[in-house]
Amino acid sequence: MDSLEEKYLKLLADYEKLEEEHPCIDSLKQCSSAYYRLNDVRKELIKSIESLYSSWIPPKIHSFFSTIKAWCITGFKKSKFVDRRLEICSSCEYYKDNKLCQLCGCYMKYKAQMAAASCPISKWKPEEDKPT
């Protein structure tokens, strides 16, 4: 059985080959089968990439990037409940040296300020915008 990396490289080669062989000429009918096969190969390639990278990225790094991504999506909105969040964290058994969460690996002083952030064990949740 091929390793994940070999499978990824094979799918990438198939994708590039299909792209070169079927540059979609005038008729959609002539291209449709190539397009759908190309799309299937692309989907397989994406799955392989996700699988490949999920095995390489430690969970704490994944947690960090997920938190930052959510924060960016909300427009870098700051939390209204920073003090309350930090109070909850300070009483948690996973809170280390008054700054670092042992579960997610984040510095809580900063993570608690992000409205979109949440506790990895749901002691506090992301803030939601509610219409006024």
C-alpha atoms as a PDB file:
ATOM      1  CA  MET A   1       0.000   0.000   0.000  1.00  0.00           C
ATOM      2  CA  ASP A   2       1.236   3.459  -0.867  1.00  0.00           C
ATOM      3  CA  SER A   3       2.201   5.810   1.902  1.00  0.00           C
ATOM      4  CA  LEU A   4       0.153   8.953   2.294  1.00  0.00           C
ATOM      5  CA  GLU A   5       2.903  11.008   0.705  1.00  0.00           C
ATOM      6  CA  GLU A   6       3.168   8.634  -2.285  1.00  0.00           C
ATOM      7  CA  LYS A   7      -0.611   8.726  -2.725  1.00  0.00           C
ATOM      8  CA  TYR A   8      -0.544  12.522  -2.594  1.00  0.00           C
ATOM      9  CA  LEU A   9       2.225  12.729  -5.222  1.00  0.00           C
ATOM     10  CA  LYS A  10       0.396  10.231  -7.464  1.00  0.00           C
ATOM     11  CA  LEU A  11      -2.859  12.201  -7.237  1.00  0.00           C
ATOM     12  CA  LEU A  12      -1.012  15.422  -7.947  1.00  0.00           C
ATOM     13  CA  ALA A  13       0.594  13.868 -11.043  1.00  0.00           C
ATOM     14  CA  ASP A  14      -2.822  12.556 -12.219  1.00  0.00           C
ATOM     15  CA  TYR A  15      -4.329  15.989 -11.729  1.00  0.00           C
ATOM     16  CA  GLU A  16      -1.593  17.718 -13.713  1.00  0.00           C
ATOM     17  CA  LYS A  17      -1.797  15.096 -16.482  1.00  0.00           C
ATOM     18  CA  LEU A  18      -5.563  15.487 -16.821  1.00  0.00           C
ATOM     19  CA  GLU A  19      -5.235  19.248 -16.853  1.00  0.00           C
ATOM     20  CA  GLU A  20      -2.730  19.058 -19.735  1.00  0.00           C
ATOM     21  CA  GLU A  21      -4.649  16.420 -21.734  1.00  0.00           C
ATOM     22  CA  HIS A  22      -8.038  18.146 -21.571  1.00  0.00           C
ATOM     23  CA  PRO A  23      -7.702  21.918 -21.798  1.00  0.00           C
ATOM     24  CA  CYS A  24     -11.482  22.239 -22.385  1.00  0.00           C
ATOM     25  CA  ILE A  25     -11.943  23.158 -25.988  1.00  0.00           C
ATOM     26  CA  ASP A  26     -15.094  24.640 -27.511  1.00  0.00           C
ATOM     27  CA  SER A  27     -17.730  22.135 -26.543  1.00  0.00           C
ATOM     28  CA  LEU A  28     -18.741  21.553 -22.953  1.00  0.00           C
ATOM     29  CA  LYS A  29     -19.817  18.046 -23.962  1.00  0.00           C
ATOM     30  CA  GLN A  30     -16.259  17.164 -24.977  1.00  0.00           C
ATOM     31  CA  CYS A  31     -14.879  18.566 -21.748  1.00  0.00           C
ATOM     32  CA  SER A  32     -17.463  17.446 -19.238  1.00  0.00           C
ATOM     33  CA  SER A  33     -16.050  13.974 -18.591  1.00  0.00           C
ATOM     34  CA  ALA A  34     -12.537  15.379 -18.259  1.00  0.00           C
ATOM     35  CA  TYR A  35     -13.823  18.157 -16.027  1.00  0.00           C
ATOM     36  CA  TYR A  36     -15.632  15.755 -13.713  1.00  0.00           C
ATOM     37  CA  ARG A  37     -12.634  13.410 -13.542  1.00  0.00           C
ATOM     38  CA  LEU A  38     -10.388  16.400 -12.872  1.00  0.00           C
ATOM     39  CA  ASN A  39     -12.750  17.548 -10.140  1.00  0.00           C
ATOM     40  CA  ASP A  40     -12.762  14.059  -8.572  1.00  0.00           C
ATOM     41  CA  VAL A  41      -8.973  13.977  -8.580  1.00  0.00           C
ATOM     42  CA  ARG A  42      -8.915  17.454  -7.034  1.00  0.00           C
ATOM     43  CA  LYS A  43     -11.236  16.294  -4.238  1.00  0.00           C
ATOM     44  CA  GLU A  44      -9.051  13.239  -3.585  1.00  0.00           C
ATOM     45  CA  LEU A  45      -6.006  15.491  -3.565  1.00  0.00           C
ATOM     46  CA  ILE A  46      -7.602  17.813  -1.010  1.00  0.00           C
ATOM     47  CA  LYS A  47      -8.504  14.870   1.224  1.00  0.00           C
ATOM     48  CA  SER A  48      -4.942  13.578   1.003  1.00  0.00           C
ATOM     49  CA  ILE A  49      -3.504  16.980   1.824  1.00  0.00           C
ATOM     50  CA  GLU A  50      -5.819  17.345   4.826  1.00  0.00           C
ATOM     51  CA  SER A  51      -4.920  13.876   6.034  1.00  0.00           C
ATOM     52  CA  LEU A  52      -1.225  14.467   5.443  1.00  0.00           C
ATOM     53  CA  TYR A  53      -1.139  17.775   7.286  1.00  0.00           C
ATOM     54  CA  SER A  54      -3.426  16.736  10.116  1.00  0.00           C
ATOM     55  CA  SER A  55      -0.923  14.040  11.008  1.00  0.00           C
ATOM     56  CA  TRP A  56       1.961  16.557  10.960  1.00  0.00           C
ATOM     57  CA  ILE A  57       0.425  19.422  12.893  1.00  0.00           C
ATOM     58  CA  PRO A  58       0.367  18.892  16.632  1.00  0.00           C
ATOM     59  CA  PRO A  59      -3.035  19.554  18.220  1.00  0.00           C
ATOM     60  CA  LYS A  60      -1.829  22.655  20.074  1.00  0.00           C
ATOM     61  CA  ILE A  61      -0.673  24.287  16.847  1.00  0.00           C
ATOM     62  CA  HIS A  62      -3.997  23.388  15.234  1.00  0.00           C
ATOM     63  CA  SER A  63      -5.820  24.940  18.207  1.00  0.00           C
ATOM     64  CA  PHE A  64      -3.756  28.108  17.899  1.00  0.00           C
ATOM     65  CA  PHE A  65      -4.463  28.559  14.193  1.00  0.00           C
ATOM     66  CA  SER A  66      -8.166  27.739  14.631  1.00  0.00           C
ATOM     67  CA  THR A  67      -8.429  30.428  17.305  1.00  0.00           C
ATOM     68  CA  ILE A  68      -6.584  33.005  15.201  1.00  0.00           C
ATOM     69  CA  LYS A  69      -8.700  32.156  12.138  1.00  0.00           C
ATOM     70  CA  ALA A  70     -11.952  32.618  14.080  1.00  0.00           C
ATOM     71  CA  TRP A  71     -10.658  35.903  15.482  1.00  0.00           C
ATOM     72  CA  CYS A  72      -9.777  37.161  11.986  1.00  0.00           C
ATOM     73  CA  ILE A  73     -13.190  36.174  10.620  1.00  0.00           C
ATOM     74  CA  THR A  74     -14.916  38.234  13.318  1.00  0.00           C
ATOM     75  CA  GLY A  75     -12.847  41.273  12.404  1.00  0.00           C
ATOM     76  CA  PHE A  76     -10.467  41.049  15.391  1.00  0.00           C
ATOM     77  CA  LYS A  77     -13.300  41.708  17.805  1.00  0.00           C
ATOM     78  CA  LYS A  78     -12.227  41.975  21.447  1.00  0.00           C
ATOM     79  CA  SER A  79     -14.097  40.238  24.233  1.00  0.00           C
ATOM     80  CA  LYS A  80     -16.224  42.125  26.741  1.00  0.00           C
ATOM     81  CA  PHE A  81     -15.608  39.405  29.321  1.00  0.00           C
ATOM     82  CA  VAL A  82     -11.809  39.188  29.511  1.00  0.00           C
ATOM     83  CA  ASP A  83     -11.675  39.449  33.312  1.00  0.00           C
ATOM     84  CA  ARG A  84     -14.396  36.815  33.786  1.00  0.00           C
ATOM     85  CA  ARG A  85     -12.683  34.438  31.346  1.00  0.00           C
ATOM     86  CA  LEU A  86      -9.328  34.831  33.088  1.00  0.00           C
ATOM     87  CA  GLU A  87     -10.991  34.266  36.462  1.00  0.00           C
ATOM     88  CA  ILE A  88     -12.440  30.991  35.167  1.00  0.00           C
ATOM     89  CA  CYS A  89      -9.060  29.975  33.768  1.00  0.00           C
ATOM     90  CA  SER A  90      -7.207  30.786  36.972  1.00  0.00           C
ATOM     91  CA  SER A  91      -9.321  28.234  38.851  1.00  0.00           C
ATOM     92  CA  CYS A  92      -8.762  25.509  36.226  1.00  0.00           C
ATOM     93  CA  GLU A  93      -6.400  22.579  36.848  1.00  0.00           C
ATOM     94  CA  TYR A  94      -4.979  22.952  33.310  1.00  0.00           C
ATOM     95  CA  TYR A  95      -3.938  26.576  33.789  1.00  0.00           C
ATOM     96  CA  LYS A  96      -0.168  26.618  34.251  1.00  0.00           C
ATOM     97  CA  ASP A  97       2.020  29.334  35.770  1.00  0.00           C
ATOM     98  CA  ASN A  98      -0.822  31.872  35.575  1.00  0.00           C
ATOM     99  CA  LYS A  99      -0.478  32.202  31.830  1.00  0.00           C
ATOM    100  CA  LEU A 100      -0.548  29.000  29.758  1.00  0.00           C
ATOM    101  CA  CYS A 101      -3.345  26.481  29.165  1.00  0.00           C
ATOM    102  CA  GLN A 102      -1.939  22.953  29.105  1.00  0.00           C
ATOM    103  CA  LEU A 103      -4.767  21.733  26.864  1.00  0.00           C
ATOM    104  CA  CYS A 104      -4.712  24.193  23.988  1.00  0.00           C
ATOM    105  CA  GLY A 105      -1.228  25.612  24.543  1.00  0.00           C
ATOM    106  CA  CYS A 106      -2.462  29.207  24.363  1.00  0.00           C
ATOM    107  CA  TYR A 107      -1.408  32.129  26.500  1.00  0.00           C
ATOM    108  CA  MET A 108      -4.720  32.858  28.131  1.00  0.00           C
ATOM    109  CA  LYS A 109      -3.925  36.528  28.719  1.00  0.00           C
ATOM    110  CA  TYR A 110      -4.219  36.937  24.949  1.00  0.00           C
ATOM    111  CA  LYS A 111      -6.748  34.246  24.038  1.00  0.00           C
ATOM    112  CA  ALA A 112      -9.259  35.544  26.607  1.00  0.00           C
ATOM    113  CA  GLN A 113      -9.249  38.896  24.788  1.00  0.00           C
ATOM    114  CA  MET A 114     -10.509  37.341  21.535  1.00  0.00           C
ATOM    115  CA  ALA A 115     -14.313  37.360  21.335  1.00  0.00           C
ATOM    116  CA  ALA A 116     -14.328  34.375  18.958  1.00  0.00           C
ATOM    117  CA  ALA A 117     -12.100  32.229  21.202  1.00  0.00           C
ATOM    118  CA  SER A 118     -13.363  29.459  23.439  1.00  0.00           C
ATOM    119  CA  CYS A 119     -12.084  27.217  26.197  1.00  0.00           C
ATOM    120  CA  PRO A 120     -11.001  23.781  24.911  1.00  0.00           C
ATOM    121  CA  ILE A 121     -13.161  22.122  27.598  1.00  0.00           C
ATOM    122  CA  SER A 122     -16.060  24.574  27.200  1.00  0.00           C
ATOM    123  CA  LYS A 123     -15.704  26.430  30.500  1.00  0.00           C
ATOM    124  CA  TRP A 124     -16.344  29.570  28.429  1.00  0.00           C
ATOM    125  CA  LYS A 125     -17.623  29.916  24.884  1.00  0.00           C
ATOM    126  CA  PRO A 126     -17.143  32.348  22.013  1.00  0.00           C
ATOM    127  CA  GLU A 127     -19.204  35.501  22.181  1.00  0.00           C
ATOM    128  CA  GLU A 128     -21.979  35.847  19.671  1.00  0.00           C
ATOM    129  CA  ASP A 129     -23.231  39.063  18.154  1.00  0.00           C
ATOM    130  CA  LYS A 130     -26.850  39.585  19.089  1.00  0.00           C
ATOM    131  CA  PRO A 131     -28.933  42.159  17.239  1.00  0.00           C
ATOM    132  CA  THR A 132     -30.060  45.081  19.365  1.00  0.00           C
END
